[in-house]
Amino acid sequence: MKVKKVVIEPLDEFFNDIKNAAVENKKGKSVKLDYVSFGSIEEFNKILTPKRKQLLDAVKKFKPRSLRQLAHILGRDYKNVYRNALLLEKAGFLELRKEGNILVPEVPYDEIDIKIKVGVELHM
């Protein structure tokens, strides 16, 4: 089972991880950060809204061959699905593979594992 890791942590910790990975990479050691980081629960919730989670679920379940087919499956406007797909791709939750002029959405994991580090200011 493939897992997408999400860490909610202070941004300075995330930047420290990037800096440490860069130092190790310069030494010839291959270090890749294999998680998505957010500075707060509020930021995470702005990206992974219920509609966007529904979009990910539909991609995983129905394996649409295009964003247009995904919009049809969801019963949603193509432009909204397209914008949400681009945002989810930028955030690391969705992959968009180009086949000619068509973007094929893929969710290459089975679950999202969320880790909340102590010290993160919670926004409620």
PDB file of N, CA and C in Angstrom:
ATOM      1  N   MET A   1       0.850  -1.176   0.000  1.00  0.00           N
ATOM      2  CA  MET A   1       0.000   0.000   0.000  1.00  0.00           C
ATOM      3  C   MET A   1       0.896   1.240   0.000  1.00  0.00           C
ATOM      4  N   LYS A   2       0.671   2.135  -0.960  1.00  0.00           N
ATOM      5  CA  LYS A   2       1.441   3.382  -1.039  1.00  0.00           C
ATOM      6  C   LYS A   2       0.769   4.453  -0.195  1.00  0.00           C
ATOM      7  N   VAL A   3       1.591   5.222   0.502  1.00  0.00           N
ATOM      8  CA  VAL A   3       1.089   6.246   1.417  1.00  0.00           C
ATOM      9  C   VAL A   3       1.660   7.605   1.046  1.00  0.00           C
ATOM     10  N   LYS A   4       0.807   8.611   0.973  1.00  0.00           N
ATOM     11  CA  LYS A   4       1.228  10.004   0.798  1.00  0.00           C
ATOM     12  C   LYS A   4       1.349  10.582   2.189  1.00  0.00           C
ATOM     13  N   LYS A   5       2.534  11.067   2.532  1.00  0.00           N
ATOM     14  CA  LYS A   5       2.772  11.620   3.861  1.00  0.00           C
ATOM     15  C   LYS A   5       2.553  13.125   3.848  1.00  0.00           C
ATOM     16  N   VAL A   6       1.823  13.608   4.854  1.00  0.00           N
ATOM     17  CA  VAL A   6       1.587  15.033   5.056  1.00  0.00           C
ATOM     18  C   VAL A   6       2.076  15.370   6.455  1.00  0.00           C
ATOM     19  N   VAL A   7       2.862  16.425   6.558  1.00  0.00           N
ATOM     20  CA  VAL A   7       3.359  16.871   7.849  1.00  0.00           C
ATOM     21  C   VAL A   7       2.908  18.309   8.068  1.00  0.00           C
ATOM     22  N   ILE A   8       2.288  18.542   9.207  1.00  0.00           N
ATOM     23  CA  ILE A   8       1.915  19.902   9.594  1.00  0.00           C
ATOM     24  C   ILE A   8       2.936  20.319  10.640  1.00  0.00           C
ATOM     25  N   GLU A   9       3.748  21.305  10.255  1.00  0.00           N
ATOM     26  CA  GLU A   9       4.887  21.696  11.078  1.00  0.00           C
ATOM     27  C   GLU A   9       5.192  23.176  10.867  1.00  0.00           C
ATOM     28  N   PRO A  10       5.893  23.775  11.795  1.00  0.00           N
ATOM     29  CA  PRO A  10       6.326  25.157  11.586  1.00  0.00           C
ATOM     30  C   PRO A  10       7.184  25.240  10.322  1.00  0.00           C
ATOM     31  N   LEU A  11       7.022  26.297   9.558  1.00  0.00           N
ATOM     32  CA  LEU A  11       7.746  26.420   8.302  1.00  0.00           C
ATOM     33  C   LEU A  11       9.258  26.384   8.488  1.00  0.00           C
ATOM     34  N   ASP A  12       9.767  26.900   9.615  1.00  0.00           N
ATOM     35  CA  ASP A  12      11.215  26.884   9.814  1.00  0.00           C
ATOM     36  C   ASP A  12      11.740  25.449   9.904  1.00  0.00           C
ATOM     37  N   GLU A  13      10.938  24.515  10.419  1.00  0.00           N
ATOM     38  CA  GLU A  13      11.356  23.108  10.456  1.00  0.00           C
ATOM     39  C   GLU A  13      11.405  22.519   9.051  1.00  0.00           C
ATOM     40  N   PHE A  14      10.418  22.872   8.232  1.00  0.00           N
ATOM     41  CA  PHE A  14      10.390  22.401   6.853  1.00  0.00           C
ATOM     42  C   PHE A  14      11.603  22.921   6.091  1.00  0.00           C
ATOM     43  N   PHE A  15      11.899  24.210   6.234  1.00  0.00           N
ATOM     44  CA  PHE A  15      13.051  24.788   5.543  1.00  0.00           C
ATOM     45  C   PHE A  15      14.359  24.185   6.046  1.00  0.00           C
ATOM     46  N   ASN A  16      14.417  23.829   7.317  1.00  0.00           N
ATOM     47  CA  ASN A  16      15.585  23.128   7.864  1.00  0.00           C
ATOM     48  C   ASN A  16      15.767  21.776   7.171  1.00  0.00           C
ATOM     49  N   ASP A  17      14.658  21.054   6.987  1.00  0.00           N
ATOM     50  CA  ASP A  17      14.718  19.758   6.302  1.00  0.00           C
ATOM     51  C   ASP A  17      15.234  19.920   4.870  1.00  0.00           C
ATOM     52  N   ILE A  18      14.768  20.970   4.185  1.00  0.00           N
ATOM     53  CA  ILE A  18      15.219  21.225   2.806  1.00  0.00           C
ATOM     54  C   ILE A  18      16.715  21.538   2.807  1.00  0.00           C
ATOM     55  N   LYS A  19      17.129  22.386   3.736  1.00  0.00           N
ATOM     56  CA  LYS A  19      18.541  22.757   3.826  1.00  0.00           C
ATOM     57  C   LYS A  19      19.409  21.531   4.091  1.00  0.00           C
ATOM     58  N   ASN A  20      19.003  20.692   5.035  1.00  0.00           N
ATOM     59  CA  ASN A  20      19.757  19.475   5.357  1.00  0.00           C
ATOM     60  C   ASN A  20      19.818  18.519   4.169  1.00  0.00           C
ATOM     61  N   ALA A  21      18.715  18.389   3.444  1.00  0.00           N
ATOM     62  CA  ALA A  21      18.688  17.519   2.260  1.00  0.00           C
ATOM     63  C   ALA A  21      19.642  18.056   1.190  1.00  0.00           C
ATOM     64  N   ALA A  22      19.668  19.371   1.009  1.00  0.00           N
ATOM     65  CA  ALA A  22      20.563  19.982   0.020  1.00  0.00           C
ATOM     66  C   ALA A  22      22.028  19.729   0.382  1.00  0.00           C
ATOM     67  N   VAL A  23      22.358  19.858   1.656  1.00  0.00           N
ATOM     68  CA  VAL A  23      23.726  19.604   2.119  1.00  0.00           C
ATOM     69  C   VAL A  23      24.115  18.153   1.841  1.00  0.00           C
ATOM     70  N   GLU A  24      23.215  17.225   2.163  1.00  0.00           N
ATOM     71  CA  GLU A  24      23.498  15.801   1.932  1.00  0.00           C
ATOM     72  C   GLU A  24      23.635  15.500   0.441  1.00  0.00           C
ATOM     73  N   ASN A  25      22.785  16.140  -0.379  1.00  0.00           N
ATOM     74  CA  ASN A  25      22.865  15.933  -1.826  1.00  0.00           C
ATOM     75  C   ASN A  25      24.197  16.434  -2.373  1.00  0.00           C
ATOM     76  N   LYS A  26      24.691  17.552  -1.852  1.00  0.00           N
ATOM     77  CA  LYS A  26      25.996  18.077  -2.284  1.00  0.00           C
ATOM     78  C   LYS A  26      27.124  17.114  -1.935  1.00  0.00           C
ATOM     79  N   LYS A  27      26.948  16.353  -0.852  1.00  0.00           N
ATOM     80  CA  LYS A  27      27.947  15.361  -0.441  1.00  0.00           C
ATOM     81  C   LYS A  27      27.855  14.090  -1.287  1.00  0.00           C
ATOM     82  N   GLY A  28      26.886  14.044  -2.196  1.00  0.00           N
ATOM     83  CA  GLY A  28      26.726  12.877  -3.051  1.00  0.00           C
ATOM     84  C   GLY A  28      25.705  11.881  -2.554  1.00  0.00           C
ATOM     85  N   LYS A  29      25.102  12.158  -1.424  1.00  0.00           N
ATOM     86  CA  LYS A  29      24.063  11.278  -0.900  1.00  0.00           C
ATOM     87  C   LYS A  29      22.722  11.732  -1.468  1.00  0.00           C
ATOM     88  N   SER A  30      21.979  10.809  -2.017  1.00  0.00           N
ATOM     89  CA  SER A  30      20.679  11.148  -2.594  1.00  0.00           C
ATOM     90  C   SER A  30      19.625  11.207  -1.487  1.00  0.00           C
ATOM     91  N   VAL A  31      19.159  12.411  -1.204  1.00  0.00           N
ATOM     92  CA  VAL A  31      18.131  12.601  -0.182  1.00  0.00           C
ATOM     93  C   VAL A  31      16.940  13.288  -0.844  1.00  0.00           C
ATOM     94  N   LYS A  32      15.785  12.672  -0.703  1.00  0.00           N
ATOM     95  CA  LYS A  32      14.568  13.228  -1.283  1.00  0.00           C
ATOM     96  C   LYS A  32      13.524  13.358  -0.183  1.00  0.00           C
ATOM     97  N   LEU A  33      12.932  14.533  -0.083  1.00  0.00           N
ATOM     98  CA  LEU A  33      11.846  14.712   0.884  1.00  0.00           C
ATOM     99  C   LEU A  33      10.600  14.072   0.284  1.00  0.00           C
ATOM    100  N   ASP A  34      10.069  13.079   0.967  1.00  0.00           N
ATOM    101  CA  ASP A  34       8.951  12.316   0.423  1.00  0.00           C
ATOM    102  C   ASP A  34       7.632  12.647   1.114  1.00  0.00           C
ATOM    103  N   TYR A  35       7.466  13.923   1.444  1.00  0.00           N
ATOM    104  CA  TYR A  35       6.227  14.330   2.097  1.00  0.00           C
ATOM    105  C   TYR A  35       5.821  15.726   1.652  1.00  0.00           C
ATOM    106  N   VAL A  36       4.580  16.055   1.934  1.00  0.00           N
ATOM    107  CA  VAL A  36       4.038  17.379   1.671  1.00  0.00           C
ATOM    108  C   VAL A  36       3.932  18.078   3.019  1.00  0.00           C
ATOM    109  N   SER A  37       4.364  19.330   3.090  1.00  0.00           N
ATOM    110  CA  SER A  37       4.366  20.047   4.365  1.00  0.00           C
ATOM    111  C   SER A  37       3.434  21.251   4.321  1.00  0.00           C
ATOM    112  N   PHE A  38       2.743  21.471   5.437  1.00  0.00           N
ATOM    113  CA  PHE A  38       1.882  22.643   5.613  1.00  0.00           C
ATOM    114  C   PHE A  38       2.237  23.291   6.936  1.00  0.00           C
ATOM    115  N   GLY A  39       2.132  24.618   6.994  1.00  0.00           N
ATOM    116  CA  GLY A  39       2.470  25.355   8.204  1.00  0.00           C
ATOM    117  C   GLY A  39       1.390  25.326   9.262  1.00  0.00           C
ATOM    118  N   SER A  40       0.169  24.913   8.880  1.00  0.00           N
ATOM    119  CA  SER A  40      -0.926  24.854   9.850  1.00  0.00           C
ATOM    120  C   SER A  40      -2.027  23.937   9.316  1.00  0.00           C
ATOM    121  N   ILE A  41      -2.887  23.530  10.217  1.00  0.00           N
ATOM    122  CA  ILE A  41      -4.046  22.719   9.824  1.00  0.00           C
ATOM    123  C   ILE A  41      -4.941  23.527   8.898  1.00  0.00           C
ATOM    124  N   GLU A  42      -5.047  24.813   9.162  1.00  0.00           N
ATOM    125  CA  GLU A  42      -5.866  25.688   8.324  1.00  0.00           C
ATOM    126  C   GLU A  42      -5.365  25.694   6.877  1.00  0.00           C
ATOM    127  N   GLU A  43      -4.053  25.792   6.697  1.00  0.00           N
ATOM    128  CA  GLU A  43      -3.487  25.767   5.337  1.00  0.00           C
ATOM    129  C   GLU A  43      -3.796  24.439   4.651  1.00  0.00           C
ATOM    130  N   PHE A  44      -3.652  23.346   5.379  1.00  0.00           N
ATOM    131  CA  PHE A  44      -3.958  22.023   4.831  1.00  0.00           C
ATOM    132  C   PHE A  44      -5.422  21.955   4.392  1.00  0.00           C
ATOM    133  N   ASN A  45      -6.320  22.444   5.259  1.00  0.00           N
ATOM    134  CA  ASN A  45      -7.754  22.401   4.954  1.00  0.00           C
ATOM    135  C   ASN A  45      -8.140  23.284   3.776  1.00  0.00           C
ATOM    136  N   LYS A  46      -7.375  24.330   3.514  1.00  0.00           N
ATOM    137  CA  LYS A  46      -7.638  25.185   2.344  1.00  0.00           C
ATOM    138  C   LYS A  46      -7.334  24.440   1.047  1.00  0.00           C
ATOM    139  N   ILE A  47      -6.362  23.542   1.101  1.00  0.00           N
ATOM    140  CA  ILE A  47      -5.981  22.786  -0.098  1.00  0.00           C
ATOM    141  C   ILE A  47      -6.837  21.534  -0.261  1.00  0.00           C
ATOM    142  N   LEU A  48      -6.953  20.746   0.779  1.00  0.00           N
ATOM    143  CA  LEU A  48      -7.702  19.487   0.669  1.00  0.00           C
ATOM    144  C   LEU A  48      -9.115  19.676   1.219  1.00  0.00           C
ATOM    145  N   THR A  49      -9.919  20.399   0.446  1.00  0.00           N
ATOM    146  CA  THR A  49     -11.322  20.630   0.792  1.00  0.00           C
ATOM    147  C   THR A  49     -12.121  19.352   0.510  1.00  0.00           C
ATOM    148  N   PRO A  50     -13.350  19.265   1.017  1.00  0.00           N
ATOM    149  CA  PRO A  50     -14.169  18.076   0.722  1.00  0.00           C
ATOM    150  C   PRO A  50     -14.351  17.836  -0.785  1.00  0.00           C
ATOM    151  N   LYS A  51     -14.533  18.893  -1.574  1.00  0.00           N
ATOM    152  CA  LYS A  51     -14.707  18.724  -3.035  1.00  0.00           C
ATOM    153  C   LYS A  51     -13.430  18.187  -3.677  1.00  0.00           C
ATOM    154  N   ARG A  52     -12.283  18.671  -3.219  1.00  0.00           N
ATOM    155  CA  ARG A  52     -11.012  18.206  -3.787  1.00  0.00           C
ATOM    156  C   ARG A  52     -10.710  16.778  -3.343  1.00  0.00           C
ATOM    157  N   LYS A  53     -11.092  16.438  -2.130  1.00  0.00           N
ATOM    158  CA  LYS A  53     -10.939  15.046  -1.666  1.00  0.00           C
ATOM    159  C   LYS A  53     -11.822  14.135  -2.514  1.00  0.00           C
ATOM    160  N   GLN A  54     -13.023  14.603  -2.828  1.00  0.00           N
ATOM    161  CA  GLN A  54     -13.932  13.851  -3.695  1.00  0.00           C
ATOM    162  C   GLN A  54     -13.295  13.646  -5.078  1.00  0.00           C
ATOM    163  N   LEU A  55     -12.612  14.675  -5.576  1.00  0.00           N
ATOM    164  CA  LEU A  55     -11.931  14.585  -6.867  1.00  0.00           C
ATOM    165  C   LEU A  55     -10.857  13.490  -6.807  1.00  0.00           C
ATOM    166  N   LEU A  56     -10.043  13.487  -5.749  1.00  0.00           N
ATOM    167  CA  LEU A  56      -9.008  12.454  -5.596  1.00  0.00           C
ATOM    168  C   LEU A  56      -9.619  11.065  -5.522  1.00  0.00           C
ATOM    169  N   ASP A  57     -10.707  10.932  -4.767  1.00  0.00           N
ATOM    170  CA  ASP A  57     -11.387   9.640  -4.640  1.00  0.00           C
ATOM    171  C   ASP A  57     -11.878   9.148  -6.002  1.00  0.00           C
ATOM    172  N   ALA A  58     -12.443  10.049  -6.797  1.00  0.00           N
ATOM    173  CA  ALA A  58     -12.968   9.675  -8.115  1.00  0.00           C
ATOM    174  C   ALA A  58     -11.840   9.256  -9.054  1.00  0.00           C
ATOM    175  N   VAL A  59     -10.709   9.949  -8.991  1.00  0.00           N
ATOM    176  CA  VAL A  59      -9.565   9.571  -9.831  1.00  0.00           C
ATOM    177  C   VAL A  59      -9.089   8.177  -9.451  1.00  0.00           C
ATOM    178  N   LYS A  60      -8.972   7.931  -8.158  1.00  0.00           N
ATOM    179  CA  LYS A  60      -8.486   6.618  -7.694  1.00  0.00           C
ATOM    180  C   LYS A  60      -9.468   5.500  -8.067  1.00  0.00           C
ATOM    181  N   LYS A  61     -10.759   5.758  -7.886  1.00  0.00           N
ATOM    182  CA  LYS A  61     -11.771   4.721  -8.108  1.00  0.00           C
ATOM    183  C   LYS A  61     -12.062   4.470  -9.595  1.00  0.00           C
ATOM    184  N   PHE A  62     -12.227   5.554 -10.373  1.00  0.00           N
ATOM    185  CA  PHE A  62     -12.684   5.398 -11.755  1.00  0.00           C
ATOM    186  C   PHE A  62     -11.564   5.463 -12.796  1.00  0.00           C
ATOM    187  N   LYS A  63     -10.375   5.928 -12.395  1.00  0.00           N
ATOM    188  CA  LYS A  63      -9.229   6.033 -13.311  1.00  0.00           C
ATOM    189  C   LYS A  63      -9.604   6.688 -14.642  1.00  0.00           C
ATOM    190  N   PRO A  64     -10.105   7.940 -14.593  1.00  0.00           N
ATOM    191  CA  PRO A  64     -10.516   8.619 -15.822  1.00  0.00           C
ATOM    192  C   PRO A  64      -9.337   8.832 -16.772  1.00  0.00           C
ATOM    193  N   ARG A  65      -9.642   8.852 -18.050  1.00  0.00           N
ATOM    194  CA  ARG A  65      -8.603   9.019 -19.071  1.00  0.00           C
ATOM    195  C   ARG A  65      -8.348  10.481 -19.408  1.00  0.00           C
ATOM    196  N   SER A  66      -9.113  11.397 -18.770  1.00  0.00           N
ATOM    197  CA  SER A  66      -8.909  12.828 -19.004  1.00  0.00           C
ATOM    198  C   SER A  66      -9.594  13.623 -17.895  1.00  0.00           C
ATOM    199  N   LEU A  67      -9.224  14.894 -17.791  1.00  0.00           N
ATOM    200  CA  LEU A  67      -9.899  15.768 -16.826  1.00  0.00           C
ATOM    201  C   LEU A  67     -11.349  16.001 -17.241  1.00  0.00           C
ATOM    202  N   ARG A  68     -11.600  16.009 -18.534  1.00  0.00           N
ATOM    203  CA  ARG A  68     -12.977  16.188 -19.016  1.00  0.00           C
ATOM    204  C   ARG A  68     -13.845  15.004 -18.579  1.00  0.00           C
ATOM    205  N   GLN A  69     -13.319  13.805 -18.693  1.00  0.00           N
ATOM    206  CA  GLN A  69     -14.060  12.622 -18.237  1.00  0.00           C
ATOM    207  C   GLN A  69     -14.249  12.676 -16.720  1.00  0.00           C
ATOM    208  N   LEU A  70     -13.243  13.142 -16.001  1.00  0.00           N
ATOM    209  CA  LEU A  70     -13.354  13.284 -14.546  1.00  0.00           C
ATOM    210  C   LEU A  70     -14.462  14.276 -14.196  1.00  0.00           C
ATOM    211  N   ALA A  71     -14.534  15.402 -14.915  1.00  0.00           N
ATOM    212  CA  ALA A  71     -15.592  16.389 -14.668  1.00  0.00           C
ATOM    213  C   ALA A  71     -16.964  15.758 -14.881  1.00  0.00           C
ATOM    214  N   HIS A  72     -17.072  14.953 -15.920  1.00  0.00           N
ATOM    215  CA  HIS A  72     -18.350  14.270 -16.195  1.00  0.00           C
ATOM    216  C   HIS A  72     -18.700  13.296 -15.058  1.00  0.00           C
ATOM    217  N   ILE A  73     -17.725  12.529 -14.601  1.00  0.00           N
ATOM    218  CA  ILE A  73     -17.943  11.579 -13.504  1.00  0.00           C
ATOM    219  C   ILE A  73     -18.440  12.303 -12.256  1.00  0.00           C
ATOM    220  N   LEU A  74     -17.802  13.466 -11.970  1.00  0.00           N
ATOM    221  CA  LEU A  74     -18.150  14.234 -10.772  1.00  0.00           C
ATOM    222  C   LEU A  74     -19.414  15.082 -10.939  1.00  0.00           C
ATOM    223  N   GLY A  75     -19.852  15.263 -12.195  1.00  0.00           N
ATOM    224  CA  GLY A  75     -21.009  16.132 -12.444  1.00  0.00           C
ATOM    225  C   GLY A  75     -20.684  17.586 -12.157  1.00  0.00           C
ATOM    226  N   ARG A  76     -19.420  17.962 -12.416  1.00  0.00           N
ATOM    227  CA  ARG A  76     -18.961  19.319 -12.137  1.00  0.00           C
ATOM    228  C   ARG A  76     -18.467  19.987 -13.407  1.00  0.00           C
ATOM    229  N   ASP A  77     -18.405  21.300 -13.374  1.00  0.00           N
ATOM    230  CA  ASP A  77     -17.919  22.090 -14.498  1.00  0.00           C
ATOM    231  C   ASP A  77     -16.449  21.775 -14.771  1.00  0.00           C
ATOM    232  N   TYR A  78     -16.101  21.620 -16.046  1.00  0.00           N
ATOM    233  CA  TYR A  78     -14.737  21.268 -16.432  1.00  0.00           C
ATOM    234  C   TYR A  78     -13.714  22.276 -15.912  1.00  0.00           C
ATOM    235  N   LYS A  79     -14.020  23.568 -16.033  1.00  0.00           N
ATOM    236  CA  LYS A  79     -13.061  24.600 -15.604  1.00  0.00           C
ATOM    237  C   LYS A  79     -12.731  24.476 -14.118  1.00  0.00           C
ATOM    238  N   ASN A  80     -13.735  24.197 -13.300  1.00  0.00           N
ATOM    239  CA  ASN A  80     -13.494  24.030 -11.861  1.00  0.00           C
ATOM    240  C   ASN A  80     -12.648  22.784 -11.580  1.00  0.00           C
ATOM    241  N   VAL A  81     -12.941  21.705 -12.272  1.00  0.00           N
ATOM    242  CA  VAL A  81     -12.166  20.471 -12.103  1.00  0.00           C
ATOM    243  C   VAL A  81     -10.728  20.706 -12.554  1.00  0.00           C
ATOM    244  N   TYR A  82     -10.551  21.405 -13.664  1.00  0.00           N
ATOM    245  CA  TYR A  82      -9.216  21.712 -14.174  1.00  0.00           C
ATOM    246  C   TYR A  82      -8.420  22.532 -13.158  1.00  0.00           C
ATOM    247  N   ARG A  83      -9.024  23.594 -12.624  1.00  0.00           N
ATOM    248  CA  ARG A  83      -8.343  24.444 -11.630  1.00  0.00           C
ATOM    249  C   ARG A  83      -7.997  23.649 -10.371  1.00  0.00           C
ATOM    250  N   ASN A  84      -8.949  22.846  -9.899  1.00  0.00           N
ATOM    251  CA  ASN A  84      -8.694  22.030  -8.705  1.00  0.00           C
ATOM    252  C   ASN A  84      -7.594  20.999  -8.953  1.00  0.00           C
ATOM    253  N   ALA A  85      -7.581  20.408 -10.136  1.00  0.00           N
ATOM    254  CA  ALA A  85      -6.552  19.417 -10.469  1.00  0.00           C
ATOM    255  C   ALA A  85      -5.167  20.060 -10.494  1.00  0.00           C
ATOM    256  N   LEU A  86      -5.056  21.250 -11.084  1.00  0.00           N
ATOM    257  CA  LEU A  86      -3.766  21.946 -11.102  1.00  0.00           C
ATOM    258  C   LEU A  86      -3.296  22.282  -9.695  1.00  0.00           C
ATOM    259  N   LEU A  87      -4.213  22.736  -8.852  1.00  0.00           N
ATOM    260  CA  LEU A  87      -3.864  23.068  -7.476  1.00  0.00           C
ATOM    261  C   LEU A  87      -3.411  21.825  -6.709  1.00  0.00           C
ATOM    262  N   LEU A  88      -4.136  20.730  -6.881  1.00  0.00           N
ATOM    263  CA  LEU A  88      -3.769  19.481  -6.201  1.00  0.00           C
ATOM    264  C   LEU A  88      -2.434  18.936  -6.712  1.00  0.00           C
ATOM    265  N   GLU A  89      -2.169  19.149  -7.993  1.00  0.00           N
ATOM    266  CA  GLU A  89      -0.868  18.733  -8.535  1.00  0.00           C
ATOM    267  C   GLU A  89       0.255  19.571  -7.912  1.00  0.00           C
ATOM    268  N   LYS A  90       0.057  20.881  -7.858  1.00  0.00           N
ATOM    269  CA  LYS A  90       1.056  21.769  -7.256  1.00  0.00           C
ATOM    270  C   LYS A  90       1.324  21.419  -5.795  1.00  0.00           C
ATOM    271  N   ALA A  91       0.284  21.022  -5.083  1.00  0.00           N
ATOM    272  CA  ALA A  91       0.404  20.673  -3.671  1.00  0.00           C
ATOM    273  C   ALA A  91       0.968  19.263  -3.461  1.00  0.00           C
ATOM    274  N   GLY A  92       1.085  18.485  -4.536  1.00  0.00           N
ATOM    275  CA  GLY A  92       1.671  17.154  -4.421  1.00  0.00           C
ATOM    276  C   GLY A  92       0.696  16.022  -4.183  1.00  0.00           C
ATOM    277  N   PHE A  93      -0.600  16.289  -4.337  1.00  0.00           N
ATOM    278  CA  PHE A  93      -1.605  15.254  -4.099  1.00  0.00           C
ATOM    279  C   PHE A  93      -2.071  14.541  -5.366  1.00  0.00           C
ATOM    280  N   LEU A  94      -1.779  15.109  -6.529  1.00  0.00           N
ATOM    281  CA  LEU A  94      -2.273  14.566  -7.798  1.00  0.00           C
ATOM    282  C   LEU A  94      -1.164  14.653  -8.834  1.00  0.00           C
ATOM    283  N   GLU A  95      -1.101  13.669  -9.698  1.00  0.00           N
ATOM    284  CA  GLU A  95      -0.185  13.726 -10.830  1.00  0.00           C
ATOM    285  C   GLU A  95      -1.002  13.892 -12.089  1.00  0.00           C
ATOM    286  N   LEU A  96      -0.532  14.769 -12.975  1.00  0.00           N
ATOM    287  CA  LEU A  96      -1.189  14.974 -14.264  1.00  0.00           C
ATOM    288  C   LEU A  96      -0.194  14.575 -15.352  1.00  0.00           C
ATOM    289  N   ARG A  97      -0.520  13.508 -16.050  1.00  0.00           N
ATOM    290  CA  ARG A  97       0.337  12.986 -17.118  1.00  0.00           C
ATOM    291  C   ARG A  97      -0.209  13.484 -18.450  1.00  0.00           C
ATOM    292  N   LYS A  98       0.666  14.021 -19.276  1.00  0.00           N
ATOM    293  CA  LYS A  98       0.226  14.567 -20.556  1.00  0.00           C
ATOM    294  C   LYS A  98       0.288  13.488 -21.630  1.00  0.00           C
ATOM    295  N   GLU A  99      -0.835  13.296 -22.303  1.00  0.00           N
ATOM    296  CA  GLU A  99      -0.921  12.391 -23.451  1.00  0.00           C
ATOM    297  C   GLU A  99      -1.449  13.210 -24.610  1.00  0.00           C
ATOM    298  N   GLY A 100      -0.554  13.693 -25.453  1.00  0.00           N
ATOM    299  CA  GLY A 100      -0.953  14.614 -26.513  1.00  0.00           C
ATOM    300  C   GLY A 100      -1.428  15.912 -25.883  1.00  0.00           C
ATOM    301  N   ASN A 101      -2.663  16.297 -26.177  1.00  0.00           N
ATOM    302  CA  ASN A 101      -3.252  17.514 -25.595  1.00  0.00           C
ATOM    303  C   ASN A 101      -4.101  17.215 -24.362  1.00  0.00           C
ATOM    304  N   ILE A 102      -4.087  15.972 -23.915  1.00  0.00           N
ATOM    305  CA  ILE A 102      -4.964  15.548 -22.827  1.00  0.00           C
ATOM    306  C   ILE A 102      -4.158  15.382 -21.540  1.00  0.00           C
ATOM    307  N   LEU A 103      -4.717  15.890 -20.435  1.00  0.00           N
ATOM    308  CA  LEU A 103      -4.118  15.674 -19.125  1.00  0.00           C
ATOM    309  C   LEU A 103      -4.837  14.510 -18.454  1.00  0.00           C
ATOM    310  N   VAL A 104      -4.066  13.474 -18.112  1.00  0.00           N
ATOM    311  CA  VAL A 104      -4.620  12.284 -17.469  1.00  0.00           C
ATOM    312  C   VAL A 104      -4.285  12.352 -15.981  1.00  0.00           C
ATOM    313  N   PRO A 105      -5.317  12.430 -15.122  1.00  0.00           N
ATOM    314  CA  PRO A 105      -5.051  12.516 -13.680  1.00  0.00           C
ATOM    315  C   PRO A 105      -4.746  11.143 -13.080  1.00  0.00           C
ATOM    316  N   GLU A 106      -3.814  11.155 -12.112  1.00  0.00           N
ATOM    317  CA  GLU A 106      -3.471   9.912 -11.423  1.00  0.00           C
ATOM    318  C   GLU A 106      -3.245  10.194  -9.941  1.00  0.00           C
ATOM    319  N   VAL A 107      -3.688   9.276  -9.105  1.00  0.00           N
ATOM    320  CA  VAL A 107      -3.427   9.322  -7.666  1.00  0.00           C
ATOM    321  C   VAL A 107      -2.578   8.082  -7.373  1.00  0.00           C
ATOM    322  N   PRO A 108      -1.248   8.277  -7.226  1.00  0.00           N
ATOM    323  CA  PRO A 108      -0.349   7.130  -7.093  1.00  0.00           C
ATOM    324  C   PRO A 108      -0.162   6.620  -5.663  1.00  0.00           C
ATOM    325  N   TYR A 109      -1.139   6.807  -4.825  1.00  0.00           N
ATOM    326  CA  TYR A 109      -1.068   6.330  -3.440  1.00  0.00           C
ATOM    327  C   TYR A 109      -2.453   5.878  -3.020  1.00  0.00           C
ATOM    328  N   ASP A 110      -2.496   5.130  -1.908  1.00  0.00           N
ATOM    329  CA  ASP A 110      -3.757   4.562  -1.445  1.00  0.00           C
ATOM    330  C   ASP A 110      -4.341   5.272  -0.233  1.00  0.00           C
ATOM    331  N   GLU A 111      -3.482   5.957   0.520  1.00  0.00           N
ATOM    332  CA  GLU A 111      -3.983   6.672   1.691  1.00  0.00           C
ATOM    333  C   GLU A 111      -3.091   7.867   1.990  1.00  0.00           C
ATOM    334  N   ILE A 112      -3.628   8.796   2.768  1.00  0.00           N
ATOM    335  CA  ILE A 112      -2.900   9.984   3.207  1.00  0.00           C
ATOM    336  C   ILE A 112      -2.662   9.837   4.703  1.00  0.00           C
ATOM    337  N   ASP A 113      -1.396   9.920   5.081  1.00  0.00           N
ATOM    338  CA  ASP A 113      -0.998   9.821   6.487  1.00  0.00           C
ATOM    339  C   ASP A 113      -0.611  11.224   6.956  1.00  0.00           C
ATOM    340  N   ILE A 114      -1.333  11.748   7.940  1.00  0.00           N
ATOM    341  CA  ILE A 114      -1.101  13.116   8.423  1.00  0.00           C
ATOM    342  C   ILE A 114      -0.411  13.073   9.774  1.00  0.00           C
ATOM    343  N   LYS A 115       0.711  13.770   9.846  1.00  0.00           N
ATOM    344  CA  LYS A 115       1.468  13.884  11.099  1.00  0.00           C
ATOM    345  C   LYS A 115       1.458  15.358  11.499  1.00  0.00           C
ATOM    346  N   ILE A 116       1.050  15.623  12.727  1.00  0.00           N
ATOM    347  CA  ILE A 116       1.016  16.997  13.234  1.00  0.00           C
ATOM    348  C   ILE A 116       2.095  17.124  14.301  1.00  0.00           C
ATOM    349  N   LYS A 117       3.060  17.987  14.014  1.00  0.00           N
ATOM    350  CA  LYS A 117       4.145  18.186  14.981  1.00  0.00           C
ATOM    351  C   LYS A 117       3.705  19.125  16.090  1.00  0.00           C
ATOM    352  N   VAL A 118       4.166  18.863  17.270  1.00  0.00           N
ATOM    353  CA  VAL A 118       3.882  19.719  18.430  1.00  0.00           C
ATOM    354  C   VAL A 118       4.575  21.060  18.200  1.00  0.00           C
ATOM    355  N   GLY A 119       3.878  22.121  18.579  1.00  0.00           N
ATOM    356  CA  GLY A 119       4.449  23.455  18.416  1.00  0.00           C
ATOM    357  C   GLY A 119       3.839  24.214  17.262  1.00  0.00           C
ATOM    358  N   VAL A 120       2.992  23.548  16.485  1.00  0.00           N
ATOM    359  CA  VAL A 120       2.320  24.212  15.383  1.00  0.00           C
ATOM    360  C   VAL A 120       1.136  24.969  15.934  1.00  0.00           C
ATOM    361  N   GLU A 121       1.028  26.236  15.580  1.00  0.00           N
ATOM    362  CA  GLU A 121      -0.124  27.017  16.038  1.00  0.00           C
ATOM    363  C   GLU A 121      -1.356  26.534  15.303  1.00  0.00           C
ATOM    364  N   LEU A 122      -2.349  26.077  16.058  1.00  0.00           N
ATOM    365  CA  LEU A 122      -3.571  25.573  15.448  1.00  0.00           C
ATOM    366  C   LEU A 122      -4.540  26.715  15.206  1.00  0.00           C
ATOM    367  N   HIS A 123      -5.126  26.721  14.009  1.00  0.00           N
ATOM    368  CA  HIS A 123      -6.116  27.742  13.660  1.00  0.00           C
ATOM    369  C   HIS A 123      -7.486  27.091  13.660  1.00  0.00           C
ATOM    370  N   MET A 124      -8.349  27.562  14.513  1.00  0.00           N
ATOM    371  CA  MET A 124      -9.702  26.964  14.604  1.00  0.00           C
ATOM    372  C   MET A 124     -10.755  28.010  14.377  1.00  0.00           C
TER     373      MET A 124
END
